[in-house]
Amino acid sequence: MANIASARKRIRQTAKRTARNTARKSRMRTFIKKVETAIESGDQAAAREALRIAQPEIQRAASKGVAHHNTVARKISRLSARIKALATA
């Protein structure tokens, strides 16, 4: 355990930040799962709507530094490609 006040404060700050980042990452995953569930159901309109709701939440994870911006771009791109493929299937 840290003895210096600034080190104790840093430990508290890290714990808060870790909890916040974990919640953000979990929220992002939940939204992605909702989109994937809609895709698997085969309903393109529902999948498109789920992605429209999920996209800002996923991008927020990148802007807050929880996920890398290229990872976020790749996930959104692949989800939208899968939704677009529903029309031809």
PDB file of N, CA and C in Angstrom:
ATOM      1  N   MET A   1       0.841  -1.191   0.000  1.00  0.00           N
ATOM      2  CA  MET A   1       0.000   0.000   0.000  1.00  0.00           C
ATOM      3  C   MET A   1       0.879   1.244   0.000  1.00  0.00           C
ATOM      4  N   ALA A   2       0.453   2.245  -0.724  1.00  0.00           N
ATOM      5  CA  ALA A   2       1.227   3.480  -0.835  1.00  0.00           C
ATOM      6  C   ALA A   2       1.168   4.285   0.459  1.00  0.00           C
ATOM      7  N   ASN A   3       2.279   4.927   0.795  1.00  0.00           N
ATOM      8  CA  ASN A   3       2.338   5.760   2.002  1.00  0.00           C
ATOM      9  C   ASN A   3       2.228   7.241   1.692  1.00  0.00           C
ATOM     10  N   ILE A   4       2.552   7.610   0.472  1.00  0.00           N
ATOM     11  CA  ILE A   4       2.550   9.025   0.087  1.00  0.00           C
ATOM     12  C   ILE A   4       1.142   9.405  -0.366  1.00  0.00           C
ATOM     13  N   ALA A   5       0.701  10.582   0.057  1.00  0.00           N
ATOM     14  CA  ALA A   5      -0.670  11.025  -0.219  1.00  0.00           C
ATOM     15  C   ALA A   5      -0.972  11.061  -1.714  1.00  0.00           C
ATOM     16  N   SER A   6      -0.036  11.560  -2.507  1.00  0.00           N
ATOM     17  CA  SER A   6      -0.272  11.663  -3.948  1.00  0.00           C
ATOM     18  C   SER A   6      -0.391  10.269  -4.579  1.00  0.00           C
ATOM     19  N   ALA A   7       0.359   9.309  -4.038  1.00  0.00           N
ATOM     20  CA  ALA A   7       0.275   7.938  -4.551  1.00  0.00           C
ATOM     21  C   ALA A   7      -1.068   7.317  -4.184  1.00  0.00           C
ATOM     22  N   ARG A   8      -1.557   7.601  -2.971  1.00  0.00           N
ATOM     23  CA  ARG A   8      -2.875   7.099  -2.561  1.00  0.00           C
ATOM     24  C   ARG A   8      -3.963   7.691  -3.450  1.00  0.00           C
ATOM     25  N   LYS A   9      -3.835   8.970  -3.756  1.00  0.00           N
ATOM     26  CA  LYS A   9      -4.805   9.639  -4.634  1.00  0.00           C
ATOM     27  C   LYS A   9      -4.773   9.011  -6.030  1.00  0.00           C
ATOM     28  N   ARG A  10      -3.571   8.751  -6.531  1.00  0.00           N
ATOM     29  CA  ARG A  10      -3.425   8.124  -7.842  1.00  0.00           C
ATOM     30  C   ARG A  10      -4.114   6.765  -7.883  1.00  0.00           C
ATOM     31  N   ILE A  11      -4.003   5.995  -6.807  1.00  0.00           N
ATOM     32  CA  ILE A  11      -4.648   4.682  -6.734  1.00  0.00           C
ATOM     33  C   ILE A  11      -6.165   4.839  -6.824  1.00  0.00           C
ATOM     34  N   ARG A  12      -6.705   5.837  -6.104  1.00  0.00           N
ATOM     35  CA  ARG A  12      -8.149   6.098  -6.158  1.00  0.00           C
ATOM     36  C   ARG A  12      -8.572   6.509  -7.564  1.00  0.00           C
ATOM     37  N   GLN A  13      -7.790   7.388  -8.184  1.00  0.00           N
ATOM     38  CA  GLN A  13      -8.124   7.858  -9.534  1.00  0.00           C
ATOM     39  C   GLN A  13      -8.096   6.711 -10.541  1.00  0.00           C
ATOM     40  N   THR A  14      -7.088   5.855 -10.418  1.00  0.00           N
ATOM     41  CA  THR A  14      -6.965   4.717 -11.330  1.00  0.00           C
ATOM     42  C   THR A  14      -8.148   3.776 -11.186  1.00  0.00           C
ATOM     43  N   ALA A  15      -8.570   3.534  -9.941  1.00  0.00           N
ATOM     44  CA  ALA A  15      -9.715   2.643  -9.704  1.00  0.00           C
ATOM     45  C   ALA A  15     -10.976   3.202 -10.343  1.00  0.00           C
ATOM     46  N   LYS A  16     -11.188   4.515 -10.199  1.00  0.00           N
ATOM     47  CA  LYS A  16     -12.369   5.158 -10.798  1.00  0.00           C
ATOM     48  C   LYS A  16     -12.321   5.078 -12.319  1.00  0.00           C
ATOM     49  N   ARG A  17     -11.156   5.391 -12.870  1.00  0.00           N
ATOM     50  CA  ARG A  17     -11.000   5.395 -14.326  1.00  0.00           C
ATOM     51  C   ARG A  17     -11.168   3.994 -14.899  1.00  0.00           C
ATOM     52  N   THR A  18     -10.626   2.998 -14.212  1.00  0.00           N
ATOM     53  CA  THR A  18     -10.744   1.614 -14.660  1.00  0.00           C
ATOM     54  C   THR A  18     -12.202   1.178 -14.689  1.00  0.00           C
ATOM     55  N   ALA A  19     -12.947   1.536 -13.635  1.00  0.00           N
ATOM     56  CA  ALA A  19     -14.377   1.181 -13.576  1.00  0.00           C
ATOM     57  C   ALA A  19     -15.140   1.850 -14.709  1.00  0.00           C
ATOM     58  N   ARG A  20     -14.831   3.116 -14.975  1.00  0.00           N
ATOM     59  CA  ARG A  20     -15.506   3.866 -16.035  1.00  0.00           C
ATOM     60  C   ARG A  20     -15.205   3.261 -17.403  1.00  0.00           C
ATOM     61  N   ASN A  21     -13.926   2.933 -17.645  1.00  0.00           N
ATOM     62  CA  ASN A  21     -13.533   2.363 -18.927  1.00  0.00           C
ATOM     63  C   ASN A  21     -14.130   0.978 -19.132  1.00  0.00           C
ATOM     64  N   THR A  22     -14.194   0.188 -18.062  1.00  0.00           N
ATOM     65  CA  THR A  22     -14.798  -1.138 -18.152  1.00  0.00           C
ATOM     66  C   THR A  22     -16.269  -1.024 -18.530  1.00  0.00           C
ATOM     67  N   ALA A  23     -16.957  -0.066 -17.904  1.00  0.00           N
ATOM     68  CA  ALA A  23     -18.379   0.147 -18.212  1.00  0.00           C
ATOM     69  C   ALA A  23     -18.557   0.578 -19.667  1.00  0.00           C
ATOM     70  N   ARG A  24     -17.697   1.461 -20.144  1.00  0.00           N
ATOM     71  CA  ARG A  24     -17.781   1.928 -21.537  1.00  0.00           C
ATOM     72  C   ARG A  24     -17.557   0.784 -22.518  1.00  0.00           C
ATOM     73  N   LYS A  25     -16.549  -0.041 -22.233  1.00  0.00           N
ATOM     74  CA  LYS A  25     -16.234  -1.156 -23.122  1.00  0.00           C
ATOM     75  C   LYS A  25     -17.385  -2.161 -23.135  1.00  0.00           C
ATOM     76  N   SER A  26     -17.954  -2.420 -21.962  1.00  0.00           N
ATOM     77  CA  SER A  26     -19.074  -3.348 -21.851  1.00  0.00           C
ATOM     78  C   SER A  26     -20.282  -2.821 -22.614  1.00  0.00           C
ATOM     79  N   ARG A  27     -20.543  -1.519 -22.485  1.00  0.00           N
ATOM     80  CA  ARG A  27     -21.659  -0.886 -23.184  1.00  0.00           C
ATOM     81  C   ARG A  27     -21.477  -1.001 -24.703  1.00  0.00           C
ATOM     82  N   MET A  28     -20.245  -0.793 -25.159  1.00  0.00           N
ATOM     83  CA  MET A  28     -19.947  -0.904 -26.589  1.00  0.00           C
ATOM     84  C   MET A  28     -20.232  -2.333 -27.072  1.00  0.00           C
ATOM     85  N   ARG A  29     -19.766  -3.319 -26.310  1.00  0.00           N
ATOM     86  CA  ARG A  29     -19.983  -4.720 -26.686  1.00  0.00           C
ATOM     87  C   ARG A  29     -21.472  -5.059 -26.727  1.00  0.00           C
ATOM     88  N   THR A  30     -22.232  -4.528 -25.772  1.00  0.00           N
ATOM     89  CA  THR A  30     -23.675  -4.783 -25.729  1.00  0.00           C
ATOM     90  C   THR A  30     -24.348  -4.261 -26.989  1.00  0.00           C
ATOM     91  N   PHE A  31     -24.009  -3.053 -27.396  1.00  0.00           N
ATOM     92  CA  PHE A  31     -24.601  -2.478 -28.600  1.00  0.00           C
ATOM     93  C   PHE A  31     -24.220  -3.279 -29.839  1.00  0.00           C
ATOM     94  N   ILE A  32     -22.972  -3.755 -29.892  1.00  0.00           N
ATOM     95  CA  ILE A  32     -22.534  -4.568 -31.029  1.00  0.00           C
ATOM     96  C   ILE A  32     -23.322  -5.871 -31.070  1.00  0.00           C
ATOM     97  N   LYS A  33     -23.551  -6.484 -29.900  1.00  0.00           N
ATOM     98  CA  LYS A  33     -24.326  -7.724 -29.835  1.00  0.00           C
ATOM     99  C   LYS A  33     -25.756  -7.509 -30.306  1.00  0.00           C
ATOM    100  N   LYS A  34     -26.337  -6.349 -29.977  1.00  0.00           N
ATOM    101  CA  LYS A  34     -27.697  -6.050 -30.421  1.00  0.00           C
ATOM    102  C   LYS A  34     -27.764  -5.982 -31.942  1.00  0.00           C
ATOM    103  N   VAL A  35     -26.754  -5.384 -32.554  1.00  0.00           N
ATOM    104  CA  VAL A  35     -26.705  -5.294 -34.016  1.00  0.00           C
ATOM    105  C   VAL A  35     -26.544  -6.696 -34.612  1.00  0.00           C
ATOM    106  N   GLU A  36     -25.641  -7.495 -34.032  1.00  0.00           N
ATOM    107  CA  GLU A  36     -25.409  -8.845 -34.555  1.00  0.00           C
ATOM    108  C   GLU A  36     -26.653  -9.718 -34.414  1.00  0.00           C
ATOM    109  N   THR A  37     -27.390  -9.557 -33.322  1.00  0.00           N
ATOM    110  CA  THR A  37     -28.640 -10.308 -33.134  1.00  0.00           C
ATOM    111  C   THR A  37     -29.653  -9.924 -34.205  1.00  0.00           C
ATOM    112  N   ALA A  38     -29.735  -8.622 -34.493  1.00  0.00           N
ATOM    113  CA  ALA A  38     -30.658  -8.150 -35.527  1.00  0.00           C
ATOM    114  C   ALA A  38     -30.248  -8.680 -36.899  1.00  0.00           C
ATOM    115  N   ILE A  39     -28.944  -8.764 -37.157  1.00  0.00           N
ATOM    116  CA  ILE A  39     -28.459  -9.292 -38.441  1.00  0.00           C
ATOM    117  C   ILE A  39     -28.834 -10.769 -38.568  1.00  0.00           C
ATOM    118  N   GLU A  40     -28.637 -11.517 -37.483  1.00  0.00           N
ATOM    119  CA  GLU A  40     -28.926 -12.957 -37.520  1.00  0.00           C
ATOM    120  C   GLU A  40     -30.418 -13.242 -37.676  1.00  0.00           C
ATOM    121  N   SER A  41     -31.254 -12.299 -37.208  1.00  0.00           N
ATOM    122  CA  SER A  41     -32.699 -12.492 -37.383  1.00  0.00           C
ATOM    123  C   SER A  41     -33.103 -12.336 -38.846  1.00  0.00           C
ATOM    124  N   GLY A  42     -32.249 -11.672 -39.637  1.00  0.00           N
ATOM    125  CA  GLY A  42     -32.509 -11.527 -41.067  1.00  0.00           C
ATOM    126  C   GLY A  42     -33.314 -10.290 -41.428  1.00  0.00           C
ATOM    127  N   ASP A  43     -33.661  -9.478 -40.430  1.00  0.00           N
ATOM    128  CA  ASP A  43     -34.451  -8.269 -40.678  1.00  0.00           C
ATOM    129  C   ASP A  43     -33.506  -7.090 -40.923  1.00  0.00           C
ATOM    130  N   GLN A  44     -33.407  -6.682 -42.185  1.00  0.00           N
ATOM    131  CA  GLN A  44     -32.449  -5.630 -42.533  1.00  0.00           C
ATOM    132  C   GLN A  44     -32.821  -4.289 -41.904  1.00  0.00           C
ATOM    133  N   ALA A  45     -34.105  -3.962 -41.864  1.00  0.00           N
ATOM    134  CA  ALA A  45     -34.535  -2.681 -41.295  1.00  0.00           C
ATOM    135  C   ALA A  45     -34.187  -2.604 -39.812  1.00  0.00           C
ATOM    136  N   ALA A  46     -34.428  -3.682 -39.084  1.00  0.00           N
ATOM    137  CA  ALA A  46     -34.104  -3.704 -37.650  1.00  0.00           C
ATOM    138  C   ALA A  46     -32.598  -3.628 -37.438  1.00  0.00           C
ATOM    139  N   ALA A  47     -31.844  -4.321 -38.280  1.00  0.00           N
ATOM    140  CA  ALA A  47     -30.389  -4.305 -38.168  1.00  0.00           C
ATOM    141  C   ALA A  47     -29.837  -2.914 -38.462  1.00  0.00           C
ATOM    142  N   ARG A  48     -30.390  -2.257 -39.480  1.00  0.00           N
ATOM    143  CA  ARG A  48     -29.943  -0.908 -39.830  1.00  0.00           C
ATOM    144  C   ARG A  48     -30.234   0.064 -38.682  1.00  0.00           C
ATOM    145  N   GLU A  49     -31.413  -0.071 -38.072  1.00  0.00           N
ATOM    146  CA  GLU A  49     -31.796   0.790 -36.949  1.00  0.00           C
ATOM    147  C   GLU A  49     -30.894   0.530 -35.738  1.00  0.00           C
ATOM    148  N   ALA A  50     -30.585  -0.741 -35.478  1.00  0.00           N
ATOM    149  CA  ALA A  50     -29.700  -1.096 -34.355  1.00  0.00           C
ATOM    150  C   ALA A  50     -28.310  -0.507 -34.569  1.00  0.00           C
ATOM    151  N   LEU A  51     -27.822  -0.547 -35.805  1.00  0.00           N
ATOM    152  CA  LEU A  51     -26.507   0.029 -36.103  1.00  0.00           C
ATOM    153  C   LEU A  51     -26.543   1.553 -35.966  1.00  0.00           C
ATOM    154  N   ARG A  52     -27.644   2.169 -36.394  1.00  0.00           N
ATOM    155  CA  ARG A  52     -27.765   3.629 -36.284  1.00  0.00           C
ATOM    156  C   ARG A  52     -27.687   4.060 -34.810  1.00  0.00           C
ATOM    157  N   ILE A  53     -28.260   3.257 -33.926  1.00  0.00           N
ATOM    158  CA  ILE A  53     -28.222   3.569 -32.495  1.00  0.00           C
ATOM    159  C   ILE A  53     -26.851   3.228 -31.899  1.00  0.00           C
ATOM    160  N   ALA A  54     -26.237   2.151 -32.383  1.00  0.00           N
ATOM    161  CA  ALA A  54     -24.973   1.672 -31.824  1.00  0.00           C
ATOM    162  C   ALA A  54     -23.764   2.502 -32.264  1.00  0.00           C
ATOM    163  N   GLN A  55     -23.828   3.045 -33.461  1.00  0.00           N
ATOM    164  CA  GLN A  55     -22.657   3.713 -34.030  1.00  0.00           C
ATOM    165  C   GLN A  55     -22.103   4.847 -33.159  1.00  0.00           C
ATOM    166  N   PRO A  56     -22.927   5.775 -32.664  1.00  0.00           N
ATOM    167  CA  PRO A  56     -22.356   6.830 -31.821  1.00  0.00           C
ATOM    168  C   PRO A  56     -21.752   6.281 -30.526  1.00  0.00           C
ATOM    169  N   GLU A  57     -22.351   5.242 -29.990  1.00  0.00           N
ATOM    170  CA  GLU A  57     -21.849   4.651 -28.748  1.00  0.00           C
ATOM    171  C   GLU A  57     -20.493   3.987 -28.985  1.00  0.00           C
ATOM    172  N   ILE A  58     -20.354   3.312 -30.120  1.00  0.00           N
ATOM    173  CA  ILE A  58     -19.092   2.660 -30.458  1.00  0.00           C
ATOM    174  C   ILE A  58     -18.012   3.715 -30.700  1.00  0.00           C
ATOM    175  N   GLN A  59     -18.363   4.774 -31.409  1.00  0.00           N
ATOM    176  CA  GLN A  59     -17.391   5.835 -31.692  1.00  0.00           C
ATOM    177  C   GLN A  59     -17.007   6.611 -30.430  1.00  0.00           C
ATOM    178  N   ARG A  60     -17.935   6.687 -29.482  1.00  0.00           N
ATOM    179  CA  ARG A  60     -17.629   7.346 -28.208  1.00  0.00           C
ATOM    180  C   ARG A  60     -16.524   6.587 -27.479  1.00  0.00           C
ATOM    181  N   ALA A  61     -16.529   5.266 -27.588  1.00  0.00           N
ATOM    182  CA  ALA A  61     -15.479   4.452 -26.962  1.00  0.00           C
ATOM    183  C   ALA A  61     -14.112   4.818 -27.535  1.00  0.00           C
ATOM    184  N   ALA A  62     -14.064   5.094 -28.833  1.00  0.00           N
ATOM    185  CA  ALA A  62     -12.799   5.489 -29.456  1.00  0.00           C
ATOM    186  C   ALA A  62     -12.381   6.875 -29.003  1.00  0.00           C
ATOM    187  N   SER A  63     -13.332   7.805 -28.941  1.00  0.00           N
ATOM    188  CA  SER A  63     -12.985   9.174 -28.566  1.00  0.00           C
ATOM    189  C   SER A  63     -12.539   9.265 -27.108  1.00  0.00           C
ATOM    190  N   LYS A  64     -13.018   8.344 -26.276  1.00  0.00           N
ATOM    191  CA  LYS A  64     -12.627   8.336 -24.864  1.00  0.00           C
ATOM    192  C   LYS A  64     -11.359   7.520 -24.629  1.00  0.00           C
ATOM    193  N   GLY A  65     -10.850   6.870 -25.683  1.00  0.00           N
ATOM    194  CA  GLY A  65      -9.606   6.128 -25.555  1.00  0.00           C
ATOM    195  C   GLY A  65      -9.769   4.705 -25.054  1.00  0.00           C
ATOM    196  N   VAL A  66     -10.999   4.208 -25.017  1.00  0.00           N
ATOM    197  CA  VAL A  66     -11.238   2.845 -24.545  1.00  0.00           C
ATOM    198  C   VAL A  66     -10.902   1.848 -25.648  1.00  0.00           C
ATOM    199  N   ALA A  67     -11.217   2.211 -26.883  1.00  0.00           N
ATOM    200  CA  ALA A  67     -10.918   1.357 -28.035  1.00  0.00           C
ATOM    201  C   ALA A  67     -10.157   2.201 -29.057  1.00  0.00           C
ATOM    202  N   HIS A  68      -9.311   1.563 -29.824  1.00  0.00           N
ATOM    203  CA  HIS A  68      -8.545   2.271 -30.847  1.00  0.00           C
ATOM    204  C   HIS A  68      -9.474   2.682 -31.985  1.00  0.00           C
ATOM    205  N   HIS A  69      -9.225   3.846 -32.566  1.00  0.00           N
ATOM    206  CA  HIS A  69     -10.139   4.369 -33.597  1.00  0.00           C
ATOM    207  C   HIS A  69     -10.180   3.479 -34.839  1.00  0.00           C
ATOM    208  N   ASN A  70      -9.072   2.811 -35.164  1.00  0.00           N
ATOM    209  CA  ASN A  70      -9.086   1.905 -36.321  1.00  0.00           C
ATOM    210  C   ASN A  70      -9.927   0.663 -36.029  1.00  0.00           C
ATOM    211  N   THR A  71      -9.876   0.193 -34.789  1.00  0.00           N
ATOM    212  CA  THR A  71     -10.685  -0.963 -34.393  1.00  0.00           C
ATOM    213  C   THR A  71     -12.161  -0.629 -34.515  1.00  0.00           C
ATOM    214  N   VAL A  72     -12.522   0.558 -34.045  1.00  0.00           N
ATOM    215  CA  VAL A  72     -13.910   1.009 -34.106  1.00  0.00           C
ATOM    216  C   VAL A  72     -14.362   1.141 -35.555  1.00  0.00           C
ATOM    217  N   ALA A  73     -13.522   1.737 -36.386  1.00  0.00           N
ATOM    218  CA  ALA A  73     -13.853   1.906 -37.806  1.00  0.00           C
ATOM    219  C   ALA A  73     -14.049   0.549 -38.468  1.00  0.00           C
ATOM    220  N   ARG A  74     -13.194  -0.409 -38.133  1.00  0.00           N
ATOM    221  CA  ARG A  74     -13.289  -1.745 -38.711  1.00  0.00           C
ATOM    222  C   ARG A  74     -14.581  -2.434 -38.283  1.00  0.00           C
ATOM    223  N   LYS A  75     -14.924  -2.343 -37.000  1.00  0.00           N
ATOM    224  CA  LYS A  75     -16.140  -2.979 -36.491  1.00  0.00           C
ATOM    225  C   LYS A  75     -17.388  -2.407 -37.172  1.00  0.00           C
ATOM    226  N   ILE A  76     -17.462  -1.080 -37.262  1.00  0.00           N
ATOM    227  CA  ILE A  76     -18.619  -0.432 -37.885  1.00  0.00           C
ATOM    228  C   ILE A  76     -18.699  -0.806 -39.361  1.00  0.00           C
ATOM    229  N   SER A  77     -17.558  -0.820 -40.027  1.00  0.00           N
ATOM    230  CA  SER A  77     -17.520  -1.150 -41.444  1.00  0.00           C
ATOM    231  C   SER A  77     -17.996  -2.584 -41.687  1.00  0.00           C
ATOM    232  N   ARG A  78     -17.530  -3.508 -40.862  1.00  0.00           N
ATOM    233  CA  ARG A  78     -17.914  -4.913 -41.048  1.00  0.00           C
ATOM    234  C   ARG A  78     -19.384  -5.142 -40.724  1.00  0.00           C
ATOM    235  N   LEU A  79     -19.887  -4.459 -39.700  1.00  0.00           N
ATOM    236  CA  LEU A  79     -21.304  -4.587 -39.365  1.00  0.00           C
ATOM    237  C   LEU A  79     -22.165  -4.048 -40.499  1.00  0.00           C
ATOM    238  N   SER A  80     -21.795  -2.877 -41.025  1.00  0.00           N
ATOM    239  CA  SER A  80     -22.603  -2.292 -42.106  1.00  0.00           C
ATOM    240  C   SER A  80     -22.525  -3.134 -43.372  1.00  0.00           C
ATOM    241  N   ALA A  81     -21.377  -3.767 -43.624  1.00  0.00           N
ATOM    242  CA  ALA A  81     -21.252  -4.644 -44.794  1.00  0.00           C
ATOM    243  C   ALA A  81     -22.161  -5.863 -44.629  1.00  0.00           C
ATOM    244  N   ARG A  82     -22.236  -6.394 -43.405  1.00  0.00           N
ATOM    245  CA  ARG A  82     -23.106  -7.553 -43.159  1.00  0.00           C
ATOM    246  C   ARG A  82     -24.580  -7.163 -43.319  1.00  0.00           C
ATOM    247  N   ILE A  83     -24.917  -5.953 -42.906  1.00  0.00           N
ATOM    248  CA  ILE A  83     -26.307  -5.479 -43.055  1.00  0.00           C
ATOM    249  C   ILE A  83     -26.633  -5.300 -44.545  1.00  0.00           C
ATOM    250  N   LYS A  84     -25.675  -4.740 -45.273  1.00  0.00           N
ATOM    251  CA  LYS A  84     -25.888  -4.532 -46.705  1.00  0.00           C
ATOM    252  C   LYS A  84     -26.037  -5.869 -47.435  1.00  0.00           C
ATOM    253  N   ALA A  85     -25.320  -6.887 -46.968  1.00  0.00           N
ATOM    254  CA  ALA A  85     -25.388  -8.213 -47.587  1.00  0.00           C
ATOM    255  C   ALA A  85     -26.736  -8.881 -47.356  1.00  0.00           C
ATOM    256  N   LEU A  86     -27.486  -8.434 -46.347  1.00  0.00           N
ATOM    257  CA  LEU A  86     -28.823  -9.016 -46.081  1.00  0.00           C
ATOM    258  C   LEU A  86     -29.769  -8.757 -47.253  1.00  0.00           C
ATOM    259  N   ALA A  87     -29.590  -7.632 -47.931  1.00  0.00           N
ATOM    260  CA  ALA A  87     -30.480  -7.273 -49.044  1.00  0.00           C
ATOM    261  C   ALA A  87     -30.320  -8.249 -50.206  1.00  0.00           C
ATOM    262  N   THR A  88     -29.096  -8.672 -50.455  1.00  0.00           N
ATOM    263  CA  THR A  88     -28.846  -9.573 -51.581  1.00  0.00           C
ATOM    264  C   THR A  88     -29.154 -11.025 -51.218  1.00  0.00           C
ATOM    265  N   ALA A  89     -29.097 -11.324 -49.927  1.00  0.00           N
ATOM    266  CA  ALA A  89     -29.321 -12.727 -49.506  1.00  0.00           C
ATOM    267  C   ALA A  89     -30.770 -13.129 -49.560  1.00  0.00           C
TER     268      ALA A  89
END
